[in-house]
Amino acid sequence: MNGELPAAILGNPPGRWAAAVVIALLAALALALLLRFARVRLSGWARETDAALDDG
């Protein structure tokens, strides 16, 4: 390769890299929010289940 950058890096314009980074950040944010809401919903369900079992 005699010190040259790979053609894959040279062939992609900077805008494409920026778009990939933005998409990755948005996907990470969406996943974090989804997990947060799922945890809140599941914790509420767990409290209701525990209360029902205690009344049992």
C-alpha atoms as a PDB file:
ATOM      1  CA  MET A   1       0.000   0.000   0.000  1.00  0.00           C
ATOM      2  CA  ASN A   2       3.118   2.181   0.201  1.00  0.00           C
ATOM      3  CA  GLY A   3       1.683   4.567   2.817  1.00  0.00           C
ATOM      4  CA  GLU A   4      -1.534   5.505   1.016  1.00  0.00           C
ATOM      5  CA  LEU A   5      -4.932   5.599   2.649  1.00  0.00           C
ATOM      6  CA  PRO A   6      -7.310   2.863   1.559  1.00  0.00           C
ATOM      7  CA  ALA A   7      -9.521   3.736  -1.382  1.00  0.00           C
ATOM      8  CA  ALA A   8     -12.616   3.123   0.751  1.00  0.00           C
ATOM      9  CA  ILE A   9     -11.734   6.099   2.958  1.00  0.00           C
ATOM     10  CA  LEU A  10     -10.655   8.333   0.092  1.00  0.00           C
ATOM     11  CA  GLY A  11     -13.735   7.439  -1.945  1.00  0.00           C
ATOM     12  CA  ASN A  12     -16.237   8.613   0.677  1.00  0.00           C
ATOM     13  CA  PRO A  13     -16.925  12.335   0.923  1.00  0.00           C
ATOM     14  CA  PRO A  14     -16.865  13.862   4.427  1.00  0.00           C
ATOM     15  CA  GLY A  15     -20.618  14.462   4.270  1.00  0.00           C
ATOM     16  CA  ARG A  16     -21.256  10.740   4.137  1.00  0.00           C
ATOM     17  CA  TRP A  17     -19.156  10.187   7.272  1.00  0.00           C
ATOM     18  CA  ALA A  18     -20.990  13.007   9.047  1.00  0.00           C
ATOM     19  CA  ALA A  19     -24.347  11.534   8.067  1.00  0.00           C
ATOM     20  CA  ALA A  20     -23.289   8.118   9.350  1.00  0.00           C
ATOM     21  CA  VAL A  21     -22.221   9.625  12.689  1.00  0.00           C
ATOM     22  CA  VAL A  22     -25.494  11.552  13.046  1.00  0.00           C
ATOM     23  CA  ILE A  23     -27.546   8.453  12.226  1.00  0.00           C
ATOM     24  CA  ALA A  24     -25.566   6.391  14.742  1.00  0.00           C
ATOM     25  CA  LEU A  25     -26.090   9.027  17.455  1.00  0.00           C
ATOM     26  CA  LEU A  26     -29.822   9.216  16.738  1.00  0.00           C
ATOM     27  CA  ALA A  27     -30.088   5.428  16.855  1.00  0.00           C
ATOM     28  CA  ALA A  28     -28.263   5.345  20.198  1.00  0.00           C
ATOM     29  CA  LEU A  29     -30.557   8.050  21.586  1.00  0.00           C
ATOM     30  CA  ALA A  30     -33.668   6.217  20.390  1.00  0.00           C
ATOM     31  CA  LEU A  31     -32.452   2.973  21.949  1.00  0.00           C
ATOM     32  CA  ALA A  32     -31.672   4.707  25.250  1.00  0.00           C
ATOM     33  CA  LEU A  33     -35.133   6.283  25.373  1.00  0.00           C
ATOM     34  CA  LEU A  34     -36.800   2.998  24.472  1.00  0.00           C
ATOM     35  CA  LEU A  35     -34.958   1.154  27.224  1.00  0.00           C
ATOM     36  CA  ARG A  36     -35.762   3.891  29.735  1.00  0.00           C
ATOM     37  CA  PHE A  37     -39.498   3.781  28.996  1.00  0.00           C
ATOM     38  CA  ALA A  38     -39.479  -0.019  28.983  1.00  0.00           C
ATOM     39  CA  ARG A  39     -37.779  -0.070  32.392  1.00  0.00           C
ATOM     40  CA  VAL A  40     -40.302   2.400  33.843  1.00  0.00           C
ATOM     41  CA  ARG A  41     -43.216   0.407  32.457  1.00  0.00           C
ATOM     42  CA  LEU A  42     -41.809  -2.906  33.689  1.00  0.00           C
ATOM     43  CA  SER A  43     -41.069  -1.504  37.148  1.00  0.00           C
ATOM     44  CA  GLY A  44     -44.686  -0.319  37.409  1.00  0.00           C
ATOM     45  CA  TRP A  45     -45.892  -3.754  36.356  1.00  0.00           C
ATOM     46  CA  ALA A  46     -43.608  -5.369  38.939  1.00  0.00           C
ATOM     47  CA  ARG A  47     -45.008  -3.141  41.713  1.00  0.00           C
ATOM     48  CA  GLU A  48     -48.583  -4.025  40.730  1.00  0.00           C
ATOM     49  CA  THR A  49     -47.729  -7.720  40.663  1.00  0.00           C
ATOM     50  CA  ASP A  50     -46.050  -7.576  44.074  1.00  0.00           C
ATOM     51  CA  ALA A  51     -49.042  -5.739  45.544  1.00  0.00           C
ATOM     52  CA  ALA A  52     -51.443  -8.313  44.100  1.00  0.00           C
ATOM     53  CA  LEU A  53     -49.373 -11.173  45.510  1.00  0.00           C
ATOM     54  CA  ASP A  54     -49.196  -9.499  48.923  1.00  0.00           C
ATOM     55  CA  ASP A  55     -52.982  -9.143  48.969  1.00  0.00           C
ATOM     56  CA  GLY A  56     -53.210 -12.756  47.916  1.00  0.00           C
END
